[in-house]
PDB file of N, CA and C in Angstrom:
ATOM      1  N   MET A   1       0.820  -1.198   0.000  1.00  0.00           N
ATOM      2  CA  MET A   1       0.000   0.000   0.000  1.00  0.00           C
ATOM      3  C   MET A   1       0.866   1.266   0.000  1.00  0.00           C
ATOM      4  N   ALA A   2       1.986   1.212   0.705  1.00  0.00           N
ATOM      5  CA  ALA A   2       2.874   2.372   0.745  1.00  0.00           C
ATOM      6  C   ALA A   2       3.455   2.616  -0.647  1.00  0.00           C
ATOM      7  N   GLY A   3       3.515   3.885  -1.035  1.00  0.00           N
ATOM      8  CA  GLY A   3       4.061   4.211  -2.345  1.00  0.00           C
ATOM      9  C   GLY A   3       3.005   4.358  -3.428  1.00  0.00           C
ATOM     10  N   THR A   4       1.746   4.020  -3.126  1.00  0.00           N
ATOM     11  CA  THR A   4       0.681   4.183  -4.108  1.00  0.00           C
ATOM     12  C   THR A   4       0.277   5.651  -4.107  1.00  0.00           C
ATOM     13  N   LYS A   5       0.403   6.292  -5.265  1.00  0.00           N
ATOM     14  CA  LYS A   5       0.093   7.705  -5.360  1.00  0.00           C
ATOM     15  C   LYS A   5      -1.377   7.899  -5.707  1.00  0.00           C
ATOM     16  N   LYS A   6      -2.025   8.812  -4.992  1.00  0.00           N
ATOM     17  CA  LYS A   6      -3.433   9.107  -5.229  1.00  0.00           C
ATOM     18  C   LYS A   6      -3.545   9.993  -6.477  1.00  0.00           C
ATOM     19  N   ILE A   7      -4.440   9.632  -7.388  1.00  0.00           N
ATOM     20  CA  ILE A   7      -4.637  10.406  -8.616  1.00  0.00           C
ATOM     21  C   ILE A   7      -5.715  11.461  -8.352  1.00  0.00           C
ATOM     22  N   PRO A   8      -5.373  12.756  -8.504  1.00  0.00           N
ATOM     23  CA  PRO A   8      -6.392  13.785  -8.275  1.00  0.00           C
ATOM     24  C   PRO A   8      -7.488  13.718  -9.335  1.00  0.00           C
ATOM     25  N   MET A   9      -8.740  13.695  -8.887  1.00  0.00           N
ATOM     26  CA  MET A   9      -9.887  13.612  -9.796  1.00  0.00           C
ATOM     27  C   MET A   9     -10.608  14.962  -9.832  1.00  0.00           C
ATOM     28  N   ARG A  10     -11.115  15.319 -10.992  1.00  0.00           N
ATOM     29  CA  ARG A  10     -11.877  16.552 -11.157  1.00  0.00           C
ATOM     30  C   ARG A  10     -13.110  16.252 -12.000  1.00  0.00           C
ATOM     31  N   MET A  11     -14.150  17.078 -11.823  1.00  0.00           N
ATOM     32  CA  MET A  11     -15.384  16.878 -12.584  1.00  0.00           C
ATOM     33  C   MET A  11     -15.429  17.810 -13.793  1.00  0.00           C
ATOM     34  N   CYS A  12     -15.775  17.239 -14.935  1.00  0.00           N
ATOM     35  CA  CYS A  12     -15.924  18.019 -16.162  1.00  0.00           C
ATOM     36  C   CYS A  12     -17.215  18.835 -16.058  1.00  0.00           C
ATOM     37  N   VAL A  13     -17.145  20.144 -16.345  1.00  0.00           N
ATOM     38  CA  VAL A  13     -18.349  20.976 -16.271  1.00  0.00           C
ATOM     39  C   VAL A  13     -19.298  20.708 -17.444  1.00  0.00           C
ATOM     40  N   GLY A  14     -18.797  20.019 -18.485  1.00  0.00           N
ATOM     41  CA  GLY A  14     -19.641  19.691 -19.640  1.00  0.00           C
ATOM     42  C   GLY A  14     -20.483  18.459 -19.415  1.00  0.00           C
ATOM     43  N   CYS A  15     -19.818  17.305 -19.217  1.00  0.00           N
ATOM     44  CA  CYS A  15     -20.538  16.032 -19.091  1.00  0.00           C
ATOM     45  C   CYS A  15     -20.800  15.629 -17.637  1.00  0.00           C
ATOM     46  N   GLY A  16     -20.104  16.263 -16.682  1.00  0.00           N
ATOM     47  CA  GLY A  16     -20.319  15.952 -15.270  1.00  0.00           C
ATOM     48  C   GLY A  16     -19.604  14.696 -14.800  1.00  0.00           C
ATOM     49  N   GLU A  17     -18.720  14.127 -15.625  1.00  0.00           N
ATOM     50  CA  GLU A  17     -17.993  12.908 -15.244  1.00  0.00           C
ATOM     51  C   GLU A  17     -16.740  13.247 -14.452  1.00  0.00           C
ATOM     52  N   MET A  18     -16.430  12.401 -13.471  1.00  0.00           N
ATOM     53  CA  MET A  18     -15.194  12.549 -12.708  1.00  0.00           C
ATOM     54  C   MET A  18     -14.085  11.869 -13.511  1.00  0.00           C
ATOM     55  N   LYS A  19     -13.008  12.598 -13.760  1.00  0.00           N
ATOM     56  CA  LYS A  19     -11.889  12.062 -14.529  1.00  0.00           C
ATOM     57  C   LYS A  19     -10.582  12.507 -13.888  1.00  0.00           C
ATOM     58  N   PRO A  20      -9.467  11.787 -14.181  1.00  0.00           N
ATOM     59  CA  PRO A  20      -8.175  12.241 -13.653  1.00  0.00           C
ATOM     60  C   PRO A  20      -7.862  13.657 -14.150  1.00  0.00           C
ATOM     61  N   LYS A  21      -7.343  14.478 -13.256  1.00  0.00           N
ATOM     62  CA  LYS A  21      -7.049  15.881 -13.543  1.00  0.00           C
ATOM     63  C   LYS A  21      -6.216  16.061 -14.810  1.00  0.00           C
ATOM     64  N   LYS A  22      -5.259  15.165 -15.057  1.00  0.00           N
ATOM     65  CA  LYS A  22      -4.367  15.269 -16.218  1.00  0.00           C
ATOM     66  C   LYS A  22      -5.106  15.127 -17.552  1.00  0.00           C
ATOM     67  N   GLU A  23      -6.259  14.436 -17.556  1.00  0.00           N
ATOM     68  CA  GLU A  23      -7.017  14.235 -18.799  1.00  0.00           C
ATOM     69  C   GLU A  23      -7.884  15.441 -19.159  1.00  0.00           C
ATOM     70  N   LEU A  24      -8.071  16.365 -18.216  1.00  0.00           N
ATOM     71  CA  LEU A  24      -8.960  17.497 -18.430  1.00  0.00           C
ATOM     72  C   LEU A  24      -8.199  18.785 -18.724  1.00  0.00           C
ATOM     73  N   VAL A  25      -8.900  19.745 -19.327  1.00  0.00           N
ATOM     74  CA  VAL A  25      -8.333  21.057 -19.627  1.00  0.00           C
ATOM     75  C   VAL A  25      -8.859  22.016 -18.558  1.00  0.00           C
ATOM     76  N   ARG A  26      -7.964  22.840 -17.996  1.00  0.00           N
ATOM     77  CA  ARG A  26      -8.380  23.787 -16.964  1.00  0.00           C
ATOM     78  C   ARG A  26      -8.678  25.137 -17.603  1.00  0.00           C
ATOM     79  N   ILE A  27      -9.845  25.666 -17.262  1.00  0.00           N
ATOM     80  CA  ILE A  27     -10.235  27.002 -17.686  1.00  0.00           C
ATOM     81  C   ILE A  27     -10.145  27.842 -16.422  1.00  0.00           C
ATOM     82  N   VAL A  28      -9.484  28.990 -16.486  1.00  0.00           N
ATOM     83  CA  VAL A  28      -9.259  29.786 -15.280  1.00  0.00           C
ATOM     84  C   VAL A  28      -9.722  31.231 -15.452  1.00  0.00           C
ATOM     85  N   ARG A  29     -10.287  31.784 -14.371  1.00  0.00           N
ATOM     86  CA  ARG A  29     -10.613  33.220 -14.330  1.00  0.00           C
ATOM     87  C   ARG A  29      -9.559  33.841 -13.435  1.00  0.00           C
ATOM     88  N   ILE A  30      -8.644  34.590 -14.048  1.00  0.00           N
ATOM     89  CA  ILE A  30      -7.558  35.198 -13.284  1.00  0.00           C
ATOM     90  C   ILE A  30      -8.103  36.409 -12.521  1.00  0.00           C
ATOM     91  N   PRO A  31      -7.402  36.850 -11.471  1.00  0.00           N
ATOM     92  CA  PRO A  31      -7.918  37.930 -10.608  1.00  0.00           C
ATOM     93  C   PRO A  31      -8.456  39.179 -11.311  1.00  0.00           C
ATOM     94  N   ASP A  32      -7.939  39.531 -12.499  1.00  0.00           N
ATOM     95  CA  ASP A  32      -8.461  40.727 -13.184  1.00  0.00           C
ATOM     96  C   ASP A  32      -9.772  40.467 -13.929  1.00  0.00           C
ATOM     97  N   GLY A  33     -10.273  39.219 -13.878  1.00  0.00           N
ATOM     98  CA  GLY A  33     -11.563  38.891 -14.483  1.00  0.00           C
ATOM     99  C   GLY A  33     -11.478  38.253 -15.855  1.00  0.00           C
ATOM    100  N   THR A  34     -10.283  38.136 -16.419  1.00  0.00           N
ATOM    101  CA  THR A  34     -10.089  37.527 -17.731  1.00  0.00           C
ATOM    102  C   THR A  34     -10.224  36.008 -17.631  1.00  0.00           C
ATOM    103  N   VAL A  35     -10.936  35.407 -18.592  1.00  0.00           N
ATOM    104  CA  VAL A  35     -11.097  33.952 -18.622  1.00  0.00           C
ATOM    105  C   VAL A  35     -10.234  33.405 -19.745  1.00  0.00           C
ATOM    106  N   LEU A  36      -9.397  32.400 -19.426  1.00  0.00           N
ATOM    107  CA  LEU A  36      -8.547  31.805 -20.450  1.00  0.00           C
ATOM    108  C   LEU A  36      -8.269  30.338 -20.180  1.00  0.00           C
ATOM    109  N   VAL A  37      -7.728  29.661 -21.208  1.00  0.00           N
ATOM    110  CA  VAL A  37      -7.367  28.250 -21.093  1.00  0.00           C
ATOM    111  C   VAL A  37      -6.020  28.186 -20.396  1.00  0.00           C
ATOM    112  N   ASP A  38      -5.938  27.424 -19.308  1.00  0.00           N
ATOM    113  CA  ASP A  38      -4.705  27.291 -18.539  1.00  0.00           C
ATOM    114  C   ASP A  38      -3.987  26.023 -18.980  1.00  0.00           C
ATOM    115  N   ASP A  39      -3.002  26.180 -19.878  1.00  0.00           N
ATOM    116  CA  ASP A  39      -2.268  25.027 -20.410  1.00  0.00           C
ATOM    117  C   ASP A  39      -1.405  24.357 -19.347  1.00  0.00           C
ATOM    118  N   THR A  40      -0.858  25.154 -18.421  1.00  0.00           N
ATOM    119  CA  THR A  40       0.048  24.610 -17.405  1.00  0.00           C
ATOM    120  C   THR A  40      -0.712  24.002 -16.235  1.00  0.00           C
ATOM    121  N   GLY A  41      -1.927  24.506 -15.969  1.00  0.00           N
ATOM    122  CA  GLY A  41      -2.696  24.032 -14.816  1.00  0.00           C
ATOM    123  C   GLY A  41      -2.220  24.663 -13.523  1.00  0.00           C
ATOM    124  N   LYS A  42      -1.378  25.704 -13.632  1.00  0.00           N
ATOM    125  CA  LYS A  42      -0.803  26.306 -12.440  1.00  0.00           C
ATOM    126  C   LYS A  42      -1.106  27.800 -12.280  1.00  0.00           C
ATOM    127  N   LYS A  43      -1.850  28.383 -13.209  1.00  0.00           N
ATOM    128  CA  LYS A  43      -2.165  29.813 -13.096  1.00  0.00           C
ATOM    129  C   LYS A  43      -3.045  30.040 -11.869  1.00  0.00           C
ATOM    130  N   SER A  44      -2.853  31.187 -11.207  1.00  0.00           N
ATOM    131  CA  SER A  44      -3.663  31.457 -10.023  1.00  0.00           C
ATOM    132  C   SER A  44      -5.017  32.020 -10.456  1.00  0.00           C
ATOM    133  N   GLY A  45      -6.031  31.669  -9.722  1.00  0.00           N
ATOM    134  CA  GLY A  45      -7.379  32.131 -10.026  1.00  0.00           C
ATOM    135  C   GLY A  45      -8.385  31.013  -9.872  1.00  0.00           C
ATOM    136  N   ARG A  46      -9.640  31.324 -10.136  1.00  0.00           N
ATOM    137  CA  ARG A  46     -10.736  30.368 -10.012  1.00  0.00           C
ATOM    138  C   ARG A  46     -10.719  29.449 -11.221  1.00  0.00           C
ATOM    139  N   GLY A  47     -10.647  28.152 -11.001  1.00  0.00           N
ATOM    140  CA  GLY A  47     -10.549  27.211 -12.111  1.00  0.00           C
ATOM    141  C   GLY A  47     -11.750  26.302 -12.255  1.00  0.00           C
ATOM    142  N   ALA A  48     -11.979  25.852 -13.470  1.00  0.00           N
ATOM    143  CA  ALA A  48     -13.002  24.854 -13.776  1.00  0.00           C
ATOM    144  C   ALA A  48     -12.377  23.910 -14.796  1.00  0.00           C
ATOM    145  N   TYR A  49     -12.800  22.670 -14.781  1.00  0.00           N
ATOM    146  CA  TYR A  49     -12.206  21.668 -15.668  1.00  0.00           C
ATOM    147  C   TYR A  49     -13.212  21.191 -16.698  1.00  0.00           C
ATOM    148  N   ILE A  50     -12.702  20.876 -17.901  1.00  0.00           N
ATOM    149  CA  ILE A  50     -13.563  20.406 -18.979  1.00  0.00           C
ATOM    150  C   ILE A  50     -12.812  19.376 -19.829  1.00  0.00           C
ATOM    151  N   CYS A  51     -13.550  18.387 -20.358  1.00  0.00           N
ATOM    152  CA  CYS A  51     -12.941  17.380 -21.229  1.00  0.00           C
ATOM    153  C   CYS A  51     -12.424  18.076 -22.489  1.00  0.00           C
ATOM    154  N   PRO A  52     -11.344  17.574 -23.077  1.00  0.00           N
ATOM    155  CA  PRO A  52     -10.824  18.215 -24.288  1.00  0.00           C
ATOM    156  C   PRO A  52     -11.632  17.861 -25.539  1.00  0.00           C
ATOM    157  N   SER A  53     -12.949  17.983 -25.462  1.00  0.00           N
ATOM    158  CA  SER A  53     -13.798  17.690 -26.623  1.00  0.00           C
ATOM    159  C   SER A  53     -14.753  18.852 -26.870  1.00  0.00           C
ATOM    160  N   ALA A  54     -15.029  19.103 -28.143  1.00  0.00           N
ATOM    161  CA  ALA A  54     -15.933  20.189 -28.520  1.00  0.00           C
ATOM    162  C   ALA A  54     -17.341  19.915 -27.987  1.00  0.00           C
ATOM    163  N   GLU A  55     -17.692  18.627 -27.898  1.00  0.00           N
ATOM    164  CA  GLU A  55     -19.015  18.214 -27.410  1.00  0.00           C
ATOM    165  C   GLU A  55     -19.250  18.686 -25.969  1.00  0.00           C
ATOM    166  N   CYS A  56     -18.262  18.464 -25.096  1.00  0.00           N
ATOM    167  CA  CYS A  56     -18.385  18.885 -23.696  1.00  0.00           C
ATOM    168  C   CYS A  56     -18.423  20.408 -23.587  1.00  0.00           C
ATOM    169  N   LEU A  57     -17.647  21.095 -24.428  1.00  0.00           N
ATOM    170  CA  LEU A  57     -17.655  22.559 -24.407  1.00  0.00           C
ATOM    171  C   LEU A  57     -19.025  23.078 -24.823  1.00  0.00           C
ATOM    172  N   GLN A  58     -19.644  22.435 -25.827  1.00  0.00           N
ATOM    173  CA  GLN A  58     -20.987  22.844 -26.264  1.00  0.00           C
ATOM    174  C   GLN A  58     -22.010  22.671 -25.139  1.00  0.00           C
ATOM    175  N   LYS A  59     -21.930  21.527 -24.431  1.00  0.00           N
ATOM    176  CA  LYS A  59     -22.840  21.273 -23.313  1.00  0.00           C
ATOM    177  C   LYS A  59     -22.666  22.318 -22.219  1.00  0.00           C
ATOM    178  N   ALA A  60     -21.406  22.626 -21.881  1.00  0.00           N
ATOM    179  CA  ALA A  60     -21.114  23.602 -20.830  1.00  0.00           C
ATOM    180  C   ALA A  60     -21.583  24.999 -21.242  1.00  0.00           C
ATOM    181  N   ARG A  61     -21.424  25.312 -22.540  1.00  0.00           N
ATOM    182  CA  ARG A  61     -21.834  26.626 -23.055  1.00  0.00           C
ATOM    183  C   ARG A  61     -23.353  26.773 -23.029  1.00  0.00           C
ATOM    184  N   LYS A  62     -24.047  25.718 -23.468  1.00  0.00           N
ATOM    185  CA  LYS A  62     -25.504  25.736 -23.541  1.00  0.00           C
ATOM    186  C   LYS A  62     -26.137  25.881 -22.152  1.00  0.00           C
ATOM    187  N   SER A  63     -25.598  25.142 -21.175  1.00  0.00           N
ATOM    188  CA  SER A  63     -26.175  25.152 -19.833  1.00  0.00           C
ATOM    189  C   SER A  63     -25.551  26.212 -18.924  1.00  0.00           C
ATOM    190  N   ARG A  64     -24.583  26.977 -19.457  1.00  0.00           N
ATOM    191  CA  ARG A  64     -23.874  28.024 -18.710  1.00  0.00           C
ATOM    192  C   ARG A  64     -23.159  27.488 -17.469  1.00  0.00           C
ATOM    193  N   ARG A  65     -22.782  26.210 -17.488  1.00  0.00           N
ATOM    194  CA  ARG A  65     -22.115  25.607 -16.330  1.00  0.00           C
ATOM    195  C   ARG A  65     -20.723  26.169 -16.100  1.00  0.00           C
ATOM    196  N   LEU A  66     -20.056  26.542 -17.178  1.00  0.00           N
ATOM    197  CA  LEU A  66     -18.715  27.117 -17.057  1.00  0.00           C
ATOM    198  C   LEU A  66     -18.799  28.486 -16.373  1.00  0.00           C
ATOM    199  N   GLU A  67     -19.812  29.260 -16.727  1.00  0.00           N
ATOM    200  CA  GLU A  67     -20.016  30.578 -16.106  1.00  0.00           C
ATOM    201  C   GLU A  67     -20.332  30.424 -14.622  1.00  0.00           C
ATOM    202  N   LYS A  68     -21.126  29.410 -14.272  1.00  0.00           N
ATOM    203  CA  LYS A  68     -21.456  29.172 -12.865  1.00  0.00           C
ATOM    204  C   LYS A  68     -20.221  28.722 -12.097  1.00  0.00           C
ATOM    205  N   GLY A  69     -19.416  27.870 -12.712  1.00  0.00           N
ATOM    206  CA  GLY A  69     -18.207  27.372 -12.073  1.00  0.00           C
ATOM    207  C   GLY A  69     -17.167  28.455 -11.815  1.00  0.00           C
ATOM    208  N   LEU A  70     -17.102  29.422 -12.729  1.00  0.00           N
ATOM    209  CA  LEU A  70     -16.124  30.501 -12.586  1.00  0.00           C
ATOM    210  C   LEU A  70     -16.745  31.756 -11.977  1.00  0.00           C
ATOM    211  N   SER A  71     -18.025  31.717 -11.701  1.00  0.00           N
ATOM    212  CA  SER A  71     -18.819  32.846 -11.181  1.00  0.00           C
ATOM    213  C   SER A  71     -18.563  34.162 -11.918  1.00  0.00           C
ATOM    214  N   CYS A  72     -18.701  34.124 -13.250  1.00  0.00           N
ATOM    215  CA  CYS A  72     -18.598  35.338 -14.063  1.00  0.00           C
ATOM    216  C   CYS A  72     -19.210  35.085 -15.437  1.00  0.00           C
ATOM    217  N   ARG A  73     -19.482  36.177 -16.168  1.00  0.00           N
ATOM    218  CA  ARG A  73     -19.997  36.057 -17.530  1.00  0.00           C
ATOM    219  C   ARG A  73     -18.839  35.752 -18.472  1.00  0.00           C
ATOM    220  N   ILE A  74     -19.112  34.926 -19.481  1.00  0.00           N
ATOM    221  CA  ILE A  74     -18.075  34.585 -20.453  1.00  0.00           C
ATOM    222  C   ILE A  74     -18.567  34.988 -21.842  1.00  0.00           C
ATOM    223  N   SER A  75     -17.768  35.789 -22.537  1.00  0.00           N
ATOM    224  CA  SER A  75     -18.176  36.288 -23.856  1.00  0.00           C
ATOM    225  C   SER A  75     -18.054  35.195 -24.919  1.00  0.00           C
ATOM    226  N   ASP A  76     -18.745  35.398 -26.029  1.00  0.00           N
ATOM    227  CA  ASP A  76     -18.718  34.444 -27.140  1.00  0.00           C
ATOM    228  C   ASP A  76     -17.308  34.286 -27.712  1.00  0.00           C
ATOM    229  N   GLU A  77     -16.536  35.402 -27.719  1.00  0.00           N
ATOM    230  CA  GLU A  77     -15.174  35.343 -28.252  1.00  0.00           C
ATOM    231  C   GLU A  77     -14.328  34.359 -27.449  1.00  0.00           C
ATOM    232  N   VAL A  78     -14.504  34.369 -26.122  1.00  0.00           N
ATOM    233  CA  VAL A  78     -13.735  33.474 -25.252  1.00  0.00           C
ATOM    234  C   VAL A  78     -14.118  32.022 -25.548  1.00  0.00           C
ATOM    235  N   TYR A  79     -15.415  31.751 -25.710  1.00  0.00           N
ATOM    236  CA  TYR A  79     -15.870  30.392 -26.054  1.00  0.00           C
ATOM    237  C   TYR A  79     -15.299  29.953 -27.401  1.00  0.00           C
ATOM    238  N   ASP A  80     -15.308  30.857 -28.384  1.00  0.00           N
ATOM    239  CA  ASP A  80     -14.788  30.532 -29.713  1.00  0.00           C
ATOM    240  C   ASP A  80     -13.294  30.222 -29.651  1.00  0.00           C
ATOM    241  N   ASP A  81     -12.564  31.003 -28.841  1.00  0.00           N
ATOM    242  CA  ASP A  81     -11.126  30.786 -28.656  1.00  0.00           C
ATOM    243  C   ASP A  81     -10.880  29.410 -28.019  1.00  0.00           C
ATOM    244  N   MET A  82     -11.696  29.067 -27.019  1.00  0.00           N
ATOM    245  CA  MET A  82     -11.565  27.773 -26.348  1.00  0.00           C
ATOM    246  C   MET A  82     -11.824  26.641 -27.326  1.00  0.00           C
ATOM    247  N   GLU A  83     -12.831  26.817 -28.174  1.00  0.00           N
ATOM    248  CA  GLU A  83     -13.179  25.795 -29.164  1.00  0.00           C
ATOM    249  C   GLU A  83     -12.002  25.535 -30.118  1.00  0.00           C
ATOM    250  N   LYS A  84     -11.343  26.616 -30.558  1.00  0.00           N
ATOM    251  CA  LYS A  84     -10.169  26.476 -31.440  1.00  0.00           C
ATOM    252  C   LYS A  84      -9.056  25.707 -30.737  1.00  0.00           C
ATOM    253  N   LYS A  85      -8.808  26.037 -29.463  1.00  0.00           N
ATOM    254  CA  LYS A  85      -7.721  25.385 -28.716  1.00  0.00           C
ATOM    255  C   LYS A  85      -8.014  23.914 -28.437  1.00  0.00           C
ATOM    256  N   LEU A  86      -9.299  23.553 -28.316  1.00  0.00           N
ATOM    257  CA  LEU A  86      -9.653  22.164 -28.030  1.00  0.00           C
ATOM    258  C   LEU A  86      -9.592  21.277 -29.261  1.00  0.00           C
ATOM    259  N   ARG A  87      -9.568  21.871 -30.435  1.00  0.00           N
ATOM    260  CA  ARG A  87      -9.537  21.071 -31.678  1.00  0.00           C
ATOM    261  C   ARG A  87      -8.178  20.507 -31.951  1.00  0.00           C
TER     262      ARG A  87
END
């Protein structure tokens, strides 16, 4: 049992599935209010996780779950930018 590393799990805001943190993309709202894709997973700010699929992003966009998770409004340009990065 000693030496077994615990895998951090996070929930996708699109499909609601729990997955290992490394498989998900982190979306972060940095202190100045800007929302962006956090490639490193280490930027400071309020984070939400999403599967790297356009389908999950569409679900999160439609139900506004990403906005609820980050507690702020997200513009269409930001969603479009995220969609490009997920492809």
